């Protein structure tokens, strides 16, 4: 999620100051993406530099209030009209398994079981949160929560796929401990 576009979108909805914007962002996302207040103010400075927001006068409490400019409203309209690019790049879990199946001595089946247990716990926690959420009262948080649920379900399905792939392509593999020293016979056969 682009913090820049999130803050700008909030300002399109009406003027605001840093702490207010941070609170509103966290409220609308259910606190799933907490923002550092320094990050919010840095973002506001950059948005102002780029002509997307205008800094106003301080309110009665001393908060500097920002408003979206016409260029800022156009940028948000573009952002809302374009698809979010598919994530390509580093996925720690996929990389971990890609390496695990190539490093001698790694018990990939055990690794799948450990990761699946964590993923199922996460899925259960998210499901409990969903039961306590009324979309009619907080549609924004409900949508974020459901996205996290779908991602957790996808992780469990992918782990099932990893396990079946390992069973299919390495059915007789019995991993040795990773730190097991090579035997003399192994060293001699390697020469």
Protein backbone atom coordinates (compact mmCIF):
# COMPACT_ATOMS: atom_id res chain seq x y z
CA UNK A 1 0.00 0.00 0.00
CA UNK A 2 1.30 3.38 -0.91
CA UNK A 3 1.29 5.55 2.20
CA UNK A 4 1.65 8.52 -0.11
CA UNK A 5 -1.57 7.74 -1.97
CA UNK A 6 -3.40 6.74 1.20
CA UNK A 7 -2.65 10.07 2.89
CA UNK A 8 -3.49 11.95 -0.29
CA UNK A 9 -6.81 10.09 -0.65
CA UNK A 10 -7.73 11.05 2.91
CA UNK A 11 -7.01 14.70 2.09
CA UNK A 12 -9.24 14.51 -0.97
CA UNK A 13 -11.99 13.66 1.50
CA UNK A 14 -11.28 16.84 3.44
CA UNK A 15 -8.51 18.88 5.06
CA UNK A 16 -6.49 17.35 7.87
CA UNK A 17 -3.30 17.44 9.91
CA UNK A 18 -0.70 14.73 10.55
CA UNK A 19 -2.00 13.06 13.70
CA UNK A 20 -5.55 13.25 12.42
CA UNK A 21 -4.56 11.64 9.11
CA UNK A 22 -2.62 8.89 10.86
CA UNK A 23 -5.57 8.12 13.11
CA UNK A 24 -8.02 8.09 10.22
CA UNK A 25 -5.75 5.86 8.11
CA UNK A 26 -5.36 3.38 10.97
CA UNK A 27 -9.09 3.46 11.72
CA UNK A 28 -10.06 2.76 8.12
CA UNK A 29 -7.57 -0.10 7.82
CA UNK A 30 -8.38 -1.54 11.24
CA UNK A 31 -4.87 -0.79 12.45
CA UNK A 32 -3.49 -3.47 10.13
CA UNK A 33 -0.95 -0.98 8.71
CA UNK A 34 0.15 1.26 11.56
CA UNK A 35 1.86 4.43 10.44
CA UNK A 36 4.74 6.18 12.16
CA UNK A 37 3.82 9.83 12.66
CA UNK A 38 7.21 10.85 11.27
CA UNK A 39 6.36 8.94 8.11
CA UNK A 40 3.08 10.85 7.82
CA UNK A 41 4.77 14.25 8.15
CA UNK A 42 7.53 13.29 5.72
CA UNK A 43 4.85 12.17 3.28
CA UNK A 44 2.98 15.47 3.70
CA UNK A 45 6.20 17.41 3.04
CA UNK A 46 6.80 15.44 -0.16
CA UNK A 47 3.20 15.81 -1.29
CA UNK A 48 3.50 19.56 -0.75
CA UNK A 49 6.83 19.65 -2.62
CA UNK A 50 5.18 17.83 -5.55
CA UNK A 51 2.22 20.24 -5.62
CA UNK A 52 -0.33 17.63 -4.58
CA UNK A 53 -1.25 19.24 -1.25
CA UNK A 54 -1.19 22.77 0.10
CA UNK A 55 -0.11 23.63 3.62
CA UNK A 56 -2.60 25.87 5.35
CA UNK A 57 -2.47 27.88 8.51
CA UNK A 58 -2.41 26.28 11.93
CA UNK A 59 -5.75 25.65 13.58
CA UNK A 60 -6.63 26.87 17.09
CA UNK A 61 -4.69 23.95 18.60
CA UNK A 62 -1.56 24.67 16.56
CA UNK A 63 -2.00 21.83 14.03
CA UNK A 64 -0.91 22.67 10.50
CA UNK A 65 -3.80 21.72 8.23
CA UNK A 66 -3.24 20.38 4.70
CA UNK A 67 -5.65 20.26 1.77
CA UNK A 68 -5.46 18.41 -1.53
CA UNK A 69 -4.80 20.54 -4.59
CA UNK A 70 -6.45 19.99 -7.97
CA UNK A 71 -3.36 18.05 -9.03
CA UNK A 72 -3.68 15.94 -5.85
CA UNK A 73 -7.34 15.17 -6.59
CA UNK A 74 -6.39 14.17 -10.15
CA UNK A 75 -3.61 11.90 -8.84
CA UNK A 76 -6.04 10.15 -6.47
CA UNK A 77 -8.64 9.78 -9.23
CA UNK A 78 -5.96 8.11 -11.41
CA UNK A 79 -4.88 5.88 -8.51
CA UNK A 80 -8.45 4.73 -7.91
CA UNK A 81 -9.00 4.07 -11.64
CA UNK A 82 -5.86 1.97 -12.23
CA UNK A 83 -5.19 -1.60 -11.12
CA UNK A 84 -2.62 -2.26 -8.43
CA UNK A 85 0.35 -4.03 -10.04
CA UNK A 86 0.73 -7.70 -9.19
CA UNK A 87 3.38 -8.28 -6.56
CA UNK A 88 6.50 -9.53 -8.18
CA UNK A 89 9.68 -9.90 -6.31
CA UNK A 90 10.74 -11.07 -2.93
CA UNK A 91 8.32 -13.32 -1.12
CA UNK A 92 10.22 -14.61 1.89
CA UNK A 93 8.14 -17.76 2.22
CA UNK A 94 8.52 -18.76 -1.44
CA UNK A 95 12.26 -18.05 -1.30
CA UNK A 96 12.59 -20.08 1.90
CA UNK A 97 11.00 -23.13 0.27
CA UNK A 98 12.89 -22.66 -3.01
CA UNK A 99 16.11 -22.82 -1.02
CA UNK A 100 14.89 -25.58 1.29
CA UNK A 101 14.29 -27.98 -1.61
CA UNK A 102 17.80 -27.33 -2.93
CA UNK A 103 19.84 -27.36 0.29
CA UNK A 104 20.87 -30.88 1.31
CA UNK A 105 19.58 -32.07 4.65
CA UNK A 106 16.53 -29.83 4.98
CA UNK A 107 13.37 -31.66 6.04
CA UNK A 108 10.97 -29.81 3.75
CA UNK A 109 7.98 -31.84 4.94
CA UNK A 110 8.63 -30.74 8.51
CA UNK A 111 9.11 -27.16 7.34
CA UNK A 112 5.71 -27.32 5.59
CA UNK A 113 4.07 -28.67 8.73
CA UNK A 114 5.52 -25.92 10.93
CA UNK A 115 4.54 -23.18 8.47
CA UNK A 116 1.08 -24.64 7.94
CA UNK A 117 0.44 -24.71 11.70
CA UNK A 118 1.37 -21.01 11.90
CA UNK A 119 -0.77 -20.18 8.85
CA UNK A 120 -3.79 -22.03 10.25
CA UNK A 121 -3.43 -20.19 13.60
CA UNK A 122 -3.34 -16.91 11.67
CA UNK A 123 -6.41 -17.96 9.69
CA UNK A 124 -8.26 -18.85 12.91
CA UNK A 125 -7.35 -15.50 14.49
CA UNK A 126 -8.56 -13.62 11.42
CA UNK A 127 -11.77 -15.66 11.33
CA UNK A 128 -12.47 -14.74 14.98
CA UNK A 129 -11.89 -11.07 14.14
CA UNK A 130 -14.27 -11.34 11.19
CA UNK A 131 -17.03 -12.77 13.40
CA UNK A 132 -16.80 -9.65 15.54
CA UNK A 133 -16.91 -7.24 12.60
CA UNK A 134 -20.11 -5.85 11.13
CA UNK A 135 -19.50 -4.70 7.53
CA UNK A 136 -22.52 -2.40 7.78
CA UNK A 137 -20.79 -0.51 10.58
CA UNK A 138 -17.20 -0.58 9.31
CA UNK A 139 -17.00 -1.59 5.67
CA UNK A 140 -13.41 -0.31 5.25
CA UNK A 141 -12.00 -2.55 8.03
CA UNK A 142 -14.18 -5.44 6.88
CA UNK A 143 -12.67 -5.29 3.38
CA UNK A 144 -9.11 -5.15 4.75
CA UNK A 145 -9.82 -8.07 7.08
CA UNK A 146 -11.31 -10.16 4.27
CA UNK A 147 -8.25 -9.48 2.09
CA UNK A 148 -6.05 -10.77 4.92
CA UNK A 149 -8.30 -13.83 5.27
CA UNK A 150 -8.05 -14.61 1.55
CA UNK A 151 -4.25 -14.25 1.70
CA UNK A 152 -4.06 -16.59 4.70
CA UNK A 153 -6.26 -19.15 2.93
CA UNK A 154 -4.06 -18.90 -0.16
CA UNK A 155 -0.96 -19.53 1.96
CA UNK A 156 -2.48 -22.72 3.40
CA UNK A 157 -3.46 -23.91 -0.10
CA UNK A 158 0.03 -23.14 -1.42
CA UNK A 159 1.62 -25.08 1.45
CA UNK A 160 -0.58 -28.06 0.55
CA UNK A 161 0.74 -27.74 -3.00
CA UNK A 162 4.36 -27.59 -1.77
CA UNK A 163 3.85 -30.71 0.31
CA UNK A 164 2.29 -32.65 -2.57
CA UNK A 165 5.02 -31.49 -4.97
CA UNK A 166 7.76 -32.64 -2.59
CA UNK A 167 5.99 -36.01 -2.17
CA UNK A 168 5.60 -36.37 -5.97
CA UNK A 169 9.09 -35.31 -7.05
CA UNK A 170 11.11 -36.58 -4.10
CA UNK A 171 9.14 -39.57 -2.77
CA UNK A 172 12.11 -41.47 -1.33
CA UNK A 173 14.00 -38.54 0.10
CA UNK A 174 14.96 -38.88 3.75
CA UNK A 175 16.84 -35.77 4.75
CA UNK A 176 19.90 -36.02 6.93
CA UNK A 177 20.42 -33.43 9.62
CA UNK A 178 21.71 -30.20 8.12
CA UNK A 179 24.74 -30.11 10.41
CA UNK A 180 25.64 -33.79 9.94
CA UNK A 181 29.32 -34.19 9.02
CA UNK A 182 30.12 -36.05 5.83
CA UNK A 183 31.20 -39.64 6.41
CA UNK A 184 34.56 -40.91 5.19
CA UNK A 185 32.79 -42.98 2.53
CA UNK A 186 31.03 -39.86 1.24
CA UNK A 187 34.30 -37.92 1.13
CA UNK A 188 36.07 -40.76 -0.70
CA UNK A 189 33.25 -41.14 -3.26
CA UNK A 190 33.36 -37.42 -3.93
CA UNK A 191 37.07 -37.65 -4.98
